[in-house]
Amino acid sequence: MTTKQPDALNPDDLVAGLPALVPVARAADHLGVTARTIRNWVAEGRVRVLRTAQGGSGRVLVPRAELARLLVTMLDVRPDYGNR
């Protein structure tokens, strides 16, 4: 009996439809964690973000590519680069 291998998953597919920069709350929802967890990861240097202003009044946005990287890490998914 032959077992069919699952199709490889492209990390970009995991974040398809999201804007290029995602607010922390939406990023947390997409990752299945809390916004506090994202903020902790930012403080620990585990997540790269873009801040819109200096000081406490700016927005913190997570790049879509960073979300894809986090999802790959969390799901232990390896990128599919085709047949090379």
N, C-alpha and C. Protein backbone atom coordinates (compact mmCIF):
# COMPACT_ATOMS: atom_id res chain seq x y z
N MET A 1 0.84 -1.17 0.00
CA MET A 1 0.00 0.00 0.00
C MET A 1 0.89 1.24 0.00
N THR A 2 0.56 2.20 -0.83
CA THR A 2 1.33 3.43 -0.93
C THR A 2 0.67 4.52 -0.10
N THR A 3 1.47 5.17 0.70
CA THR A 3 0.95 6.29 1.50
C THR A 3 1.28 7.58 0.78
N LYS A 4 0.26 8.39 0.56
CA LYS A 4 0.47 9.67 -0.11
C LYS A 4 1.07 10.66 0.87
N GLN A 5 2.15 11.32 0.45
CA GLN A 5 2.77 12.36 1.26
C GLN A 5 1.91 13.62 1.19
N PRO A 6 1.75 14.32 2.32
CA PRO A 6 0.99 15.57 2.26
C PRO A 6 1.75 16.60 1.43
N ASP A 7 0.99 17.47 0.79
CA ASP A 7 1.61 18.54 0.02
C ASP A 7 2.43 19.42 0.96
N ALA A 8 3.59 19.83 0.48
CA ALA A 8 4.44 20.71 1.29
C ALA A 8 3.74 22.06 1.46
N LEU A 9 3.96 22.67 2.58
CA LEU A 9 3.32 23.92 2.91
C LEU A 9 4.29 25.07 2.71
N ASN A 10 3.86 26.07 1.97
CA ASN A 10 4.65 27.26 1.76
C ASN A 10 4.36 28.22 2.91
N PRO A 11 5.38 28.70 3.63
CA PRO A 11 5.13 29.59 4.77
C PRO A 11 4.33 30.84 4.39
N ASP A 12 4.51 31.33 3.17
CA ASP A 12 3.75 32.50 2.75
C ASP A 12 2.25 32.23 2.71
N ASP A 13 1.87 30.97 2.49
CA ASP A 13 0.46 30.61 2.49
C ASP A 13 -0.16 30.77 3.87
N LEU A 14 0.67 30.67 4.91
CA LEU A 14 0.18 30.77 6.28
C LEU A 14 -0.27 32.18 6.63
N VAL A 15 0.22 33.16 5.88
CA VAL A 15 -0.11 34.56 6.18
C VAL A 15 -0.77 35.25 4.99
N ALA A 16 -1.21 34.46 4.03
CA ALA A 16 -1.87 35.03 2.85
C ALA A 16 -3.09 35.83 3.29
N GLY A 17 -3.28 36.96 2.67
CA GLY A 17 -4.43 37.79 2.97
C GLY A 17 -4.22 38.80 4.08
N LEU A 18 -3.11 38.69 4.79
CA LEU A 18 -2.81 39.67 5.84
C LEU A 18 -2.11 40.87 5.22
N PRO A 19 -2.28 42.05 5.83
CA PRO A 19 -1.55 43.22 5.33
C PRO A 19 -0.05 43.07 5.59
N ALA A 20 0.75 43.90 4.95
CA ALA A 20 2.20 43.83 5.10
C ALA A 20 2.64 44.06 6.54
N LEU A 21 1.92 44.92 7.26
CA LEU A 21 2.21 45.20 8.66
C LEU A 21 0.95 44.93 9.47
N VAL A 22 1.07 44.09 10.49
CA VAL A 22 -0.08 43.61 11.24
C VAL A 22 -0.01 44.12 12.69
N PRO A 23 -1.11 44.73 13.19
CA PRO A 23 -1.11 45.14 14.60
C PRO A 23 -0.90 43.94 15.53
N VAL A 24 -0.33 44.21 16.69
CA VAL A 24 0.01 43.15 17.64
C VAL A 24 -1.20 42.26 17.97
N ALA A 25 -2.35 42.86 18.23
CA ALA A 25 -3.53 42.07 18.60
C ALA A 25 -3.92 41.10 17.50
N ARG A 26 -3.90 41.57 16.25
CA ARG A 26 -4.26 40.69 15.13
C ARG A 26 -3.19 39.62 14.92
N ALA A 27 -1.93 39.98 15.08
CA ALA A 27 -0.84 39.01 14.96
C ALA A 27 -1.01 37.92 16.02
N ALA A 28 -1.35 38.34 17.24
CA ALA A 28 -1.55 37.37 18.33
C ALA A 28 -2.69 36.42 17.99
N ASP A 29 -3.79 36.95 17.48
CA ASP A 29 -4.91 36.09 17.08
C ASP A 29 -4.48 35.08 16.03
N HIS A 30 -3.71 35.55 15.06
CA HIS A 30 -3.27 34.68 13.97
C HIS A 30 -2.35 33.57 14.47
N LEU A 31 -1.56 33.89 15.50
CA LEU A 31 -0.63 32.91 16.06
C LEU A 31 -1.25 32.04 17.15
N GLY A 32 -2.43 32.44 17.63
CA GLY A 32 -3.07 31.68 18.69
C GLY A 32 -2.46 31.94 20.06
N VAL A 33 -1.91 33.13 20.24
CA VAL A 33 -1.34 33.53 21.53
C VAL A 33 -1.97 34.85 21.94
N THR A 34 -1.60 35.36 23.10
CA THR A 34 -2.14 36.65 23.54
C THR A 34 -1.23 37.79 23.06
N ALA A 35 -1.80 38.98 23.06
CA ALA A 35 -1.01 40.17 22.71
C ALA A 35 0.13 40.34 23.71
N ARG A 36 -0.10 40.02 24.97
CA ARG A 36 0.95 40.11 25.98
C ARG A 36 2.11 39.19 25.62
N THR A 37 1.82 38.01 25.11
CA THR A 37 2.88 37.08 24.70
C THR A 37 3.72 37.70 23.58
N ILE A 38 3.06 38.31 22.60
CA ILE A 38 3.79 38.97 21.51
C ILE A 38 4.69 40.06 22.09
N ARG A 39 4.13 40.88 22.98
CA ARG A 39 4.92 41.96 23.58
C ARG A 39 6.11 41.41 24.38
N ASN A 40 5.90 40.31 25.07
CA ASN A 40 7.01 39.67 25.79
C ASN A 40 8.09 39.21 24.82
N TRP A 41 7.67 38.58 23.71
CA TRP A 41 8.62 38.12 22.71
C TRP A 41 9.39 39.28 22.11
N VAL A 42 8.71 40.42 21.91
CA VAL A 42 9.39 41.62 21.39
C VAL A 42 10.45 42.06 22.39
N ALA A 43 10.08 42.13 23.67
CA ALA A 43 11.02 42.56 24.72
C ALA A 43 12.21 41.61 24.82
N GLU A 44 12.00 40.32 24.56
CA GLU A 44 13.07 39.32 24.62
C GLU A 44 13.90 39.29 23.34
N GLY A 45 13.47 40.03 22.31
CA GLY A 45 14.18 40.03 21.04
C GLY A 45 13.83 38.86 20.14
N ARG A 46 12.79 38.14 20.47
CA ARG A 46 12.39 36.97 19.66
C ARG A 46 11.54 37.35 18.46
N VAL A 47 10.95 38.56 18.49
CA VAL A 47 10.08 39.01 17.40
C VAL A 47 10.52 40.41 16.98
N ARG A 48 10.68 40.59 15.69
CA ARG A 48 11.02 41.90 15.14
C ARG A 48 9.74 42.65 14.81
N VAL A 49 9.68 43.93 15.17
CA VAL A 49 8.49 44.74 14.93
C VAL A 49 8.89 46.09 14.37
N LEU A 50 7.89 46.82 13.91
CA LEU A 50 8.07 48.19 13.47
C LEU A 50 7.26 49.07 14.40
N ARG A 51 7.87 50.10 14.92
CA ARG A 51 7.17 51.05 15.80
C ARG A 51 6.91 52.31 14.99
N THR A 52 5.66 52.82 15.06
CA THR A 52 5.29 53.97 14.24
C THR A 52 5.74 55.30 14.82
N ALA A 53 6.04 55.37 16.11
CA ALA A 53 6.50 56.62 16.73
C ALA A 53 7.33 56.30 17.96
N GLN A 54 8.15 57.24 18.34
CA GLN A 54 8.94 57.08 19.55
C GLN A 54 8.05 57.28 20.77
N GLY A 55 8.43 56.70 21.88
CA GLY A 55 7.67 56.87 23.11
C GLY A 55 6.52 55.89 23.20
N GLY A 56 5.63 56.12 24.14
CA GLY A 56 4.55 55.19 24.40
C GLY A 56 3.31 55.37 23.55
N SER A 57 3.29 56.38 22.67
CA SER A 57 2.06 56.65 21.93
C SER A 57 2.02 56.00 20.54
N GLY A 58 3.10 55.35 20.11
CA GLY A 58 3.14 54.77 18.78
C GLY A 58 2.51 53.39 18.72
N ARG A 59 2.22 52.97 17.49
CA ARG A 59 1.70 51.63 17.27
C ARG A 59 2.86 50.67 17.06
N VAL A 60 2.64 49.43 17.45
CA VAL A 60 3.63 48.37 17.22
C VAL A 60 3.02 47.43 16.19
N LEU A 61 3.75 47.25 15.08
CA LEU A 61 3.26 46.43 13.98
C LEU A 61 4.25 45.30 13.69
N VAL A 62 3.70 44.14 13.41
CA VAL A 62 4.51 42.96 13.11
C VAL A 62 4.50 42.75 11.60
N PRO A 63 5.67 42.73 10.96
CA PRO A 63 5.71 42.46 9.52
C PRO A 63 5.14 41.07 9.19
N ARG A 64 4.45 40.98 8.09
CA ARG A 64 3.85 39.71 7.65
C ARG A 64 4.91 38.62 7.54
N ALA A 65 6.08 38.95 7.03
CA ALA A 65 7.16 37.95 6.90
C ALA A 65 7.59 37.42 8.26
N GLU A 66 7.55 38.29 9.28
CA GLU A 66 7.90 37.86 10.64
C GLU A 66 6.84 36.90 11.16
N LEU A 67 5.58 37.16 10.85
CA LEU A 67 4.52 36.22 11.25
C LEU A 67 4.73 34.86 10.60
N ALA A 68 5.08 34.86 9.32
CA ALA A 68 5.34 33.59 8.63
C ALA A 68 6.49 32.85 9.31
N ARG A 69 7.55 33.58 9.66
CA ARG A 69 8.70 32.96 10.34
C ARG A 69 8.28 32.36 11.67
N LEU A 70 7.48 33.09 12.43
CA LEU A 70 7.01 32.58 13.72
C LEU A 70 6.15 31.34 13.56
N LEU A 71 5.26 31.37 12.58
CA LEU A 71 4.39 30.21 12.35
C LEU A 71 5.20 28.99 11.96
N VAL A 72 6.19 29.18 11.12
CA VAL A 72 7.06 28.06 10.73
C VAL A 72 7.73 27.48 11.96
N THR A 73 8.22 28.36 12.83
CA THR A 73 8.87 27.91 14.06
C THR A 73 7.90 27.19 14.98
N MET A 74 6.70 27.78 15.14
CA MET A 74 5.71 27.21 16.05
C MET A 74 5.16 25.88 15.55
N LEU A 75 4.99 25.77 14.25
CA LEU A 75 4.40 24.56 13.66
C LEU A 75 5.45 23.56 13.23
N ASP A 76 6.73 23.97 13.28
CA ASP A 76 7.83 23.15 12.82
C ASP A 76 7.62 22.72 11.38
N VAL A 77 7.19 23.70 10.58
CA VAL A 77 6.96 23.48 9.15
C VAL A 77 8.22 23.90 8.40
N ARG A 78 8.62 23.09 7.48
CA ARG A 78 9.78 23.42 6.66
C ARG A 78 9.30 24.01 5.34
N PRO A 79 9.93 25.09 4.86
CA PRO A 79 9.49 25.69 3.61
C PRO A 79 9.68 24.76 2.44
N ASP A 80 8.79 24.88 1.47
CA ASP A 80 8.88 24.11 0.24
C ASP A 80 9.46 25.00 -0.83
N TYR A 81 10.66 24.66 -1.27
CA TYR A 81 11.30 25.44 -2.32
C TYR A 81 11.25 24.72 -3.66
N GLY A 82 10.37 23.76 -3.78
CA GLY A 82 10.25 23.03 -5.04
C GLY A 82 11.35 22.00 -5.19
N ASN A 83 11.39 21.41 -6.35
CA ASN A 83 12.42 20.41 -6.64
C ASN A 83 13.69 21.09 -7.07
N ARG A 84 14.71 21.01 -6.25
CA ARG A 84 15.99 21.62 -6.60
C ARG A 84 17.03 20.57 -6.75
